[in-house]
Amino acid sequence: MPPVAPLPRVVLHVDLDAFFCSVEELLDPSLAGVAFAVGGPADARGVIATASYAARRFGVRSALPTAQALRLCPHLKLLPVRHKVYSGYSRRVMALFAAETPLMEQVSIDEAFLDFTGDARGGGAIAARLQARLRDEIQLPSSFGVATNKLVAKIATNLGKPRGLIVVPPGQEAACLAPLPLDLLWGAGPKTRARLAEIGLRTIGDLAAWPAADLERRFGAAGLDLARHARGLDDRPVENERETKSISKEVTFGQDVSDRETLRRTLLELSDQVAAGLRAQGLVARTVKLKLRWPPFETITRQTQLAQPSDLEDDLFAAGFALFEAAFGRGRPVRLLGMGVTGLQTPARQLGLFEAASEAAAEDARAAKLAGVLDKIRSKYGWDALRRAAYLGEDDAAE
């Protein structure tokens, strides 16, 4: 008896259209048709979180500096970000999805993947029903993409926005992607696209027709991913629980900072917060990352490996500050400073007989014990209940 062929996967991707703005319009119908945006104030280096479609006609978009958005659209109405309000609506939406399928992967506050493989209704009919329920029961507009995998479903959603529903039938993935520009493809960032343009590749179809071996030679393992994605291939599952892959903290300064000592103290506090995040999840990190932004928006990232995975702020700070020293150079003013960790794993704290007796191991044990005490106090009384003296400048310390 021949083996039974597996059912084609049915993956839905859903994105709530202009989510923050849609919620604001729902709560204040007078905003309908108005050029408005949700974001931070221009005088505090704010950025646009979401823009209404009326504002987008003037070039206002997410991540645009608010000051620039106001230059593009002087009559732009700016509303503050209300995270609690948006989170409440997001929970309602995700609860609706979770009641429909156990295979739901929430990607962000307004985006999710749903797996309906084996459902006799078909992906298009299911998506249409969910889209109608979002509109009628929660009064929020949405866009859906339906395909056999996450990659193609997400691209289909982007093609249909706003309020669209696009179904890519099984076997039509490559044909659907072929005429599209490379900037819609995961993994094809600006630098990669520039290199691809040098060899005449400008559409996803161009990339799909190019030899995979040559892409691997030019881009390494990422080249093979590009070749597969261009052909519409993606075998990643829809996962209910997303494993924590990174922890990061960053600060955007109200005024550019060039004082090395101020930046050092800031980095130390960020290291403390990231380390506390690791301990809260019972994890240690292998890789430390530094993020620096100079005016106007030049951003770099640097990373290094720790000799041993750690959840202690001193270890994270030592690695992060070494990266900072190498990147800071001649003291250019810094707009944003960030610290992050990846390579997360469960700690293996069992020490050998002789290792436990070493001075270094004893010092690590004392540091871990102190960190645990700090975590408990901060958990009960708030982060600022205890602050390290090393955070304070001379003026603070003198008070």
Protein backbone atom coordinates (compact mmCIF):
# COMPACT_ATOMS: atom_id res chain seq x y z
CA MET A 1 0.00 0.00 0.00
CA PRO A 2 1.57 3.35 -1.00
CA PRO A 3 2.24 5.89 1.78
CA VAL A 4 -0.43 8.49 2.39
CA ALA A 5 0.63 11.91 1.13
CA PRO A 6 0.64 14.57 3.87
CA LEU A 7 -2.09 17.19 3.77
CA PRO A 8 -1.00 20.60 2.43
CA ARG A 9 -0.40 22.98 5.30
CA VAL A 10 -2.92 25.77 5.77
CA VAL A 11 -1.23 28.74 7.42
CA LEU A 12 -2.98 32.05 8.01
CA HIS A 13 -1.15 35.27 8.76
CA VAL A 14 -3.16 38.15 10.20
CA ASP A 15 -2.13 41.75 10.74
CA LEU A 16 -4.40 44.33 12.35
CA ASP A 17 -4.42 47.35 10.03
CA ALA A 18 -2.80 50.48 11.56
CA PHE A 19 -3.63 48.91 14.91
CA PHE A 20 -2.98 51.77 17.34
CA CYS A 21 -4.74 54.25 15.05
CA SER A 22 -7.63 51.86 14.47
CA VAL A 23 -8.17 51.60 18.23
CA GLU A 24 -8.04 55.38 18.59
CA GLU A 25 -10.61 55.77 15.80
CA LEU A 26 -12.83 53.21 17.47
CA LEU A 27 -12.75 55.19 20.72
CA ASP A 28 -13.06 58.56 18.95
CA PRO A 29 -14.97 58.28 15.64
CA SER A 30 -14.20 61.92 14.80
CA LEU A 31 -10.68 60.77 13.88
CA ALA A 32 -11.97 58.86 10.84
CA GLY A 33 -10.35 60.27 7.71
CA VAL A 34 -8.07 62.57 9.74
CA ALA A 35 -4.31 62.65 9.21
CA PHE A 36 -3.16 61.60 12.67
CA ALA A 37 -0.49 59.42 14.24
CA VAL A 38 0.32 57.76 17.53
CA GLY A 39 3.81 58.48 18.76
CA GLY A 40 6.20 60.46 20.92
CA PRO A 41 6.49 64.28 20.97
CA ALA A 42 8.88 65.95 18.55
CA ASP A 43 10.70 67.89 21.27
CA ALA A 44 11.74 64.65 23.02
CA ARG A 45 13.11 62.88 19.95
CA GLY A 46 9.89 60.95 19.63
CA VAL A 47 9.10 58.62 16.77
CA ILE A 48 5.87 57.62 15.07
CA ALA A 49 4.48 54.29 16.30
CA THR A 50 1.57 54.09 13.84
CA ALA A 51 0.13 56.50 11.29
CA SER A 52 -3.42 56.63 9.97
CA TYR A 53 -3.85 55.92 6.28
CA ALA A 54 -4.77 59.58 5.73
CA ALA A 55 -1.40 60.55 7.24
CA ARG A 56 0.44 57.95 5.18
CA ARG A 57 -0.57 59.79 2.02
CA PHE A 58 1.78 62.57 3.17
CA GLY A 59 4.67 60.13 3.72
CA VAL A 60 4.17 59.69 7.47
CA ARG A 61 5.01 56.14 8.53
CA SER A 62 6.04 54.02 11.50
CA ALA A 63 9.53 54.64 12.97
CA LEU A 64 9.73 58.08 11.34
CA PRO A 65 10.99 60.79 13.73
CA THR A 66 8.03 62.85 14.87
CA ALA A 67 9.75 66.11 13.94
CA GLN A 68 10.18 64.88 10.38
CA ALA A 69 6.58 63.66 10.25
CA LEU A 70 5.37 67.15 11.22
CA ARG A 71 7.46 68.67 8.45
CA LEU A 72 5.87 66.30 5.92
CA CYS A 73 2.38 66.89 7.30
CA PRO A 74 2.20 70.16 9.30
CA HIS A 75 -1.46 69.60 10.19
CA LEU A 76 -0.73 66.10 11.57
CA LYS A 77 -2.66 65.40 14.78
CA LEU A 78 -0.40 63.60 17.25
CA LEU A 79 -1.74 61.29 19.96
CA PRO A 80 0.28 59.72 22.80
CA VAL A 81 0.89 55.98 22.89
CA ARG A 82 -1.55 54.19 25.23
CA HIS A 83 -0.04 50.75 25.69
CA LYS A 84 -2.58 49.52 28.25
CA VAL A 85 -5.48 50.34 25.96
CA TYR A 86 -3.91 48.66 22.92
CA SER A 87 -2.86 45.63 24.94
CA GLY A 88 -6.45 45.14 26.09
CA TYR A 89 -7.71 45.03 22.52
CA SER A 90 -4.85 42.76 21.50
CA ARG A 91 -5.80 40.26 24.20
CA ARG A 92 -9.37 40.17 22.90
CA VAL A 93 -8.16 39.52 19.36
CA MET A 94 -5.74 36.79 20.37
CA ALA A 95 -8.36 35.13 22.58
CA LEU A 96 -10.66 34.99 19.55
CA PHE A 97 -7.95 33.27 17.52
CA ALA A 98 -7.01 30.88 20.32
CA ALA A 99 -10.63 29.74 20.55
CA GLU A 100 -10.52 28.82 16.84
CA THR A 101 -7.27 26.86 16.70
CA PRO A 102 -4.78 25.54 19.27
CA LEU A 103 -1.96 26.33 16.82
CA MET A 104 -1.60 30.09 17.19
CA GLU A 105 1.70 31.96 17.27
CA GLN A 106 1.44 35.58 18.36
CA VAL A 107 4.24 37.50 16.69
CA SER A 108 3.54 40.95 18.13
CA ILE A 109 0.75 42.97 19.71
CA ASP A 110 -1.10 43.11 16.35
CA GLU A 111 0.12 40.13 14.36
CA ALA A 112 -0.21 36.34 14.49
CA PHE A 113 0.11 33.09 12.55
CA LEU A 114 -2.65 30.47 12.70
CA ASP A 115 -2.42 26.86 11.50
CA PHE A 116 -5.63 25.23 10.20
CA THR A 117 -4.08 22.26 8.41
CA GLY A 118 -6.69 19.54 7.89
CA ASP A 119 -9.68 21.84 8.39
CA ALA A 120 -12.25 20.96 5.70
CA ARG A 121 -13.51 24.54 5.37
CA GLY A 122 -10.37 25.70 3.56
CA GLY A 123 -8.01 28.54 4.45
CA GLY A 124 -9.78 31.23 2.43
CA ALA A 125 -13.16 30.59 4.03
CA ILE A 126 -11.66 30.49 7.51
CA ALA A 127 -9.78 33.75 6.97
CA ALA A 128 -12.91 35.47 5.65
CA ARG A 129 -14.87 34.35 8.70
CA LEU A 130 -12.18 35.55 11.14
CA GLN A 131 -11.84 38.86 9.34
CA ALA A 132 -15.61 39.38 9.61
CA ARG A 133 -15.60 38.49 13.30
CA LEU A 134 -12.81 41.00 14.00
CA ARG A 135 -14.81 43.66 12.17
CA ASP A 136 -18.20 42.86 13.72
CA GLU A 137 -17.28 41.78 17.25
CA ILE A 138 -14.24 43.94 18.02
CA GLN A 139 -14.69 46.64 15.34
CA LEU A 140 -11.10 46.38 14.11
CA PRO A 141 -9.96 46.15 10.47
CA SER A 142 -7.47 43.46 9.50
CA SER A 143 -5.63 41.90 6.59
CA PHE A 144 -5.10 38.17 6.03
CA GLY A 145 -2.74 36.07 3.96
CA VAL A 146 -3.30 32.34 3.41
CA ALA A 147 -0.64 29.96 2.10
CA THR A 148 1.14 26.69 2.79
CA ASN A 149 3.82 28.35 4.94
CA LYS A 150 4.56 31.36 7.12
CA LEU A 151 6.81 33.18 4.66
CA VAL A 152 4.31 33.27 1.80
CA ALA A 153 1.32 33.91 4.08
CA LYS A 154 2.99 37.02 5.54
CA ILE A 155 3.94 38.36 2.11
CA ALA A 156 0.34 37.77 0.96
CA THR A 157 -0.91 39.83 3.91
CA ASN A 158 1.42 42.69 3.01
CA LEU A 159 0.21 42.62 -0.59
CA GLY A 160 -3.44 42.87 0.47
CA LYS A 161 -3.21 45.66 3.05
CA PRO A 162 -5.36 47.31 4.11
CA ARG A 163 -8.44 45.16 4.71
CA GLY A 164 -7.28 42.56 2.20
CA LEU A 165 -7.47 38.79 2.03
CA ILE A 166 -5.13 37.01 -0.39
CA VAL A 167 -4.97 33.23 -0.80
CA VAL A 168 -1.92 31.59 -2.45
CA PRO A 169 -2.95 28.07 -3.58
CA PRO A 170 -0.61 25.13 -2.92
CA GLY A 171 1.99 24.88 -5.67
CA GLN A 172 1.66 28.55 -6.66
CA GLU A 173 4.07 29.97 -4.08
CA ALA A 174 7.00 30.64 -6.43
CA ALA A 175 4.76 32.03 -9.17
CA CYS A 176 3.10 34.42 -6.71
CA LEU A 177 6.45 35.71 -5.44
CA ALA A 178 8.26 35.92 -8.79
CA PRO A 179 7.21 39.44 -9.92
CA LEU A 180 7.59 41.01 -6.48
CA PRO A 181 10.49 43.29 -5.45
CA LEU A 182 13.21 41.83 -3.25
CA ASP A 183 12.42 44.13 -0.33
CA LEU A 184 9.37 41.98 0.43
CA LEU A 185 11.53 38.89 1.02
CA TRP A 186 12.74 37.93 4.49
CA GLY A 187 16.52 38.06 4.69
CA ALA A 188 16.95 40.53 1.83
CA GLY A 189 17.97 43.68 3.68
CA PRO A 190 19.28 46.87 2.04
CA LYS A 191 22.90 45.72 1.91
CA THR A 192 21.98 42.29 0.56
CA ARG A 193 19.71 43.85 -2.08
CA ALA A 194 22.50 46.17 -3.16
CA ARG A 195 24.82 43.22 -3.68
CA LEU A 196 22.12 41.31 -5.55
CA ALA A 197 21.47 44.33 -7.78
CA GLU A 198 25.15 44.29 -8.76
CA ILE A 199 24.54 40.95 -10.49
CA GLY A 200 21.26 42.07 -11.99
CA LEU A 201 18.81 40.54 -9.49
CA ARG A 202 15.92 42.87 -8.64
CA THR A 203 12.84 40.68 -8.27
CA ILE A 204 12.17 37.58 -6.22
CA GLY A 205 11.82 35.68 -9.47
CA ASP A 206 15.30 36.81 -10.56
CA LEU A 207 16.66 35.46 -7.30
CA ALA A 208 14.77 32.17 -7.61
CA ALA A 209 16.31 31.57 -11.03
CA TRP A 210 19.87 32.21 -9.85
CA PRO A 211 22.02 29.16 -8.93
CA ALA A 212 21.75 28.42 -5.22
CA ALA A 213 25.41 27.34 -5.14
CA ASP A 214 26.52 30.79 -6.28
CA LEU A 215 24.33 32.47 -3.66
CA GLU A 216 25.94 30.27 -1.01
CA ARG A 217 29.38 31.24 -2.28
CA ARG A 218 28.51 34.94 -2.05
CA PHE A 219 26.47 34.99 1.17
CA GLY A 220 27.30 31.76 2.99
CA ALA A 221 24.46 29.90 4.70
CA ALA A 222 22.26 32.99 4.32
CA GLY A 223 22.54 32.55 0.55
CA LEU A 224 20.90 29.15 0.75
CA ASP A 225 18.08 30.65 2.82
CA LEU A 226 17.61 33.34 0.18
CA ALA A 227 17.40 30.68 -2.55
CA ARG A 228 14.78 28.68 -0.62
CA HIS A 229 12.71 31.73 0.33
CA ALA A 230 12.72 33.02 -3.26
CA ARG A 231 11.14 29.73 -4.30
CA GLY A 232 8.46 30.11 -1.64
CA LEU A 233 9.88 27.36 0.59
CA ASP A 234 9.60 27.65 4.37
CA ASP A 235 9.15 24.70 6.73
CA ARG A 236 9.02 26.56 10.05
CA PRO A 237 6.10 25.42 12.20
CA VAL A 238 3.47 27.64 13.80
CA GLU A 239 4.53 27.52 17.45
CA ASN A 240 2.26 28.15 20.41
CA GLU A 241 5.08 29.21 22.71
CA ARG A 242 7.93 31.29 21.40
CA GLU A 243 11.22 30.54 23.06
CA THR A 244 13.01 33.57 24.45
CA LYS A 245 15.92 34.18 22.10
CA SER A 246 17.19 37.52 23.36
CA ILE A 247 16.87 40.05 26.17
CA SER A 248 17.76 43.71 25.67
CA LYS A 249 17.41 47.15 27.18
CA GLU A 250 18.17 50.52 25.65
CA VAL A 251 17.84 54.22 26.41
CA THR A 252 17.38 57.19 24.08
CA PHE A 253 18.87 60.32 25.62
CA GLY A 254 16.90 63.59 25.72
CA GLN A 255 20.11 65.33 24.62
CA ASP A 256 23.07 63.76 22.84
CA VAL A 257 25.67 62.56 25.36
CA SER A 258 29.41 62.63 24.70
CA ASP A 259 30.62 62.28 28.30
CA ARG A 260 32.30 58.89 28.60
CA GLU A 261 31.59 58.52 32.31
CA THR A 262 27.86 59.19 31.88
CA LEU A 263 27.72 56.60 29.12
CA ARG A 264 29.67 54.12 31.26
CA ARG A 265 27.20 54.49 34.12
CA THR A 266 24.27 54.12 31.75
CA LEU A 267 25.75 50.96 30.29
CA LEU A 268 26.29 49.57 33.78
CA GLU A 269 22.63 50.13 34.66
CA LEU A 270 21.49 48.54 31.39
CA SER A 271 23.73 45.54 32.16
CA ASP A 272 22.10 45.28 35.58
CA GLN A 273 18.61 45.29 34.05
CA VAL A 274 19.47 42.69 31.40
CA ALA A 275 21.10 40.45 34.00
CA ALA A 276 17.99 40.70 36.20
CA GLY A 277 15.90 39.70 33.17
CA LEU A 278 18.07 36.64 32.65
CA ARG A 279 17.77 35.55 36.27
CA ALA A 280 14.01 36.10 36.25
CA GLN A 281 13.72 33.54 33.45
CA GLY A 282 16.34 31.16 34.84
CA LEU A 283 18.68 31.70 31.89
CA VAL A 284 22.30 32.58 31.19
CA ALA A 285 23.71 34.22 28.06
CA ARG A 286 26.65 33.38 25.86
CA THR A 287 26.68 36.51 23.63
CA VAL A 288 26.66 40.18 24.61
CA LYS A 289 25.54 42.82 22.11
CA LEU A 290 26.04 46.59 22.14
CA LYS A 291 23.91 49.09 20.21
CA LEU A 292 25.01 52.67 19.58
CA ARG A 293 23.23 55.42 17.67
CA TRP A 294 24.81 58.72 16.69
CA PRO A 295 23.01 61.75 15.26
CA PRO A 296 21.09 61.87 13.10
CA PHE A 297 20.25 58.13 12.87
CA GLU A 298 23.50 56.26 12.22
CA THR A 299 23.26 53.02 14.19
CA ILE A 300 25.82 50.27 14.75
CA THR A 301 25.73 46.98 16.66
CA ARG A 302 28.67 45.00 17.96
CA GLN A 303 28.78 41.66 19.76
CA THR A 304 31.19 39.39 21.58
CA GLN A 305 31.20 35.95 23.18
CA LEU A 306 31.61 35.41 26.92
CA ALA A 307 34.17 32.86 28.08
CA GLN A 308 31.39 31.22 30.11
CA PRO A 309 27.61 31.81 29.89
CA SER A 310 26.54 34.18 32.66
CA ASP A 311 23.62 36.02 34.24
CA LEU A 312 25.77 38.41 36.30
CA GLU A 313 25.81 42.11 35.49
CA ASP A 314 29.56 42.42 36.06
CA ASP A 315 30.25 39.86 33.34
CA LEU A 316 27.81 41.47 30.92
CA PHE A 317 29.11 44.96 31.65
CA ALA A 318 32.77 44.00 31.22
CA ALA A 319 32.04 42.56 27.78
CA GLY A 320 29.69 45.39 26.78
CA PHE A 321 32.05 48.15 27.92
CA ALA A 322 34.93 46.62 25.96
CA LEU A 323 32.72 46.81 22.86
CA PHE A 324 31.79 50.38 23.76
CA GLU A 325 35.39 51.48 24.18
CA ALA A 326 36.28 50.10 20.77
CA ALA A 327 33.28 51.72 19.05
CA PHE A 328 33.08 55.07 20.88
CA GLY A 329 36.27 56.30 19.27
CA ARG A 330 36.88 60.02 19.64
CA GLY A 331 33.84 60.70 21.74
CA ARG A 332 31.09 61.32 19.18
CA PRO A 333 27.81 62.38 20.85
CA VAL A 334 25.57 59.39 21.48
CA ARG A 335 21.81 59.49 20.97
CA LEU A 336 20.93 55.90 21.93
CA LEU A 337 22.76 53.27 23.95
CA GLY A 338 21.59 49.67 24.18
CA MET A 339 22.72 46.39 25.70
CA GLY A 340 21.42 42.95 24.81
CA VAL A 341 22.20 39.26 25.16
CA THR A 342 21.59 36.20 22.98
CA GLY A 343 22.70 32.59 23.01
CA LEU A 344 20.39 31.97 25.96
CA GLN A 345 20.45 28.64 27.77
CA THR A 346 19.62 27.00 31.07
CA PRO A 347 22.54 27.41 33.46
CA ALA A 348 24.67 24.46 34.50
CA ARG A 349 25.75 25.55 37.96
CA GLN A 350 27.06 22.27 39.33
CA LEU A 351 30.72 22.74 40.21
CA GLY A 352 33.39 20.13 40.55
CA LEU A 353 35.01 19.45 43.91
CA PHE A 354 38.17 21.41 43.19
CA GLU A 355 36.47 24.14 41.17
CA ALA A 356 34.12 24.88 44.05
CA ALA A 357 37.05 25.52 46.30
CA SER A 358 38.70 28.04 43.93
CA GLU A 359 38.75 31.72 44.81
CA ALA A 360 37.13 32.68 41.50
CA ALA A 361 34.26 30.26 42.01
CA ALA A 362 33.72 31.54 45.53
CA GLU A 363 33.60 35.12 44.22
CA ASP A 364 31.07 34.12 41.57
CA ALA A 365 28.95 32.45 44.24
CA ARG A 366 28.99 35.62 46.36
CA ALA A 367 28.04 37.74 43.34
CA ALA A 368 25.19 35.39 42.46
CA LYS A 369 23.91 35.48 46.05
CA LEU A 370 24.01 39.30 46.13
CA ALA A 371 22.24 39.47 42.78
CA GLY A 372 19.51 37.20 44.11
CA VAL A 373 18.98 39.44 47.13
CA LEU A 374 18.78 42.54 44.92
CA ASP A 375 16.26 40.83 42.66
CA LYS A 376 14.00 39.98 45.59
CA ILE A 377 14.08 43.51 47.01
CA ARG A 378 13.42 45.10 43.63
CA SER A 379 10.64 42.64 42.89
CA LYS A 380 8.88 43.70 46.09
CA TYR A 381 9.64 47.42 46.22
CA GLY A 382 10.45 48.39 42.60
CA TRP A 383 13.63 48.75 40.57
CA ASP A 384 14.68 52.05 42.15
CA ALA A 385 14.40 50.71 45.69
CA LEU A 386 18.11 49.87 45.49
CA ARG A 387 20.56 51.48 43.10
CA ARG A 388 24.24 50.77 42.85
CA ALA A 389 26.53 53.61 43.90
CA ALA A 390 28.33 53.12 40.59
CA TYR A 391 25.24 54.46 38.79
CA LEU A 392 25.62 57.85 40.45
CA GLY A 393 27.64 60.78 39.20
CA GLU A 394 29.63 63.04 41.49
CA ASP A 395 26.71 65.44 41.96
CA ASP A 396 24.33 62.62 42.85
CA ALA A 397 26.77 61.04 45.28
CA ALA A 398 27.30 64.33 47.08
CA GLU A 399 23.62 64.81 47.90
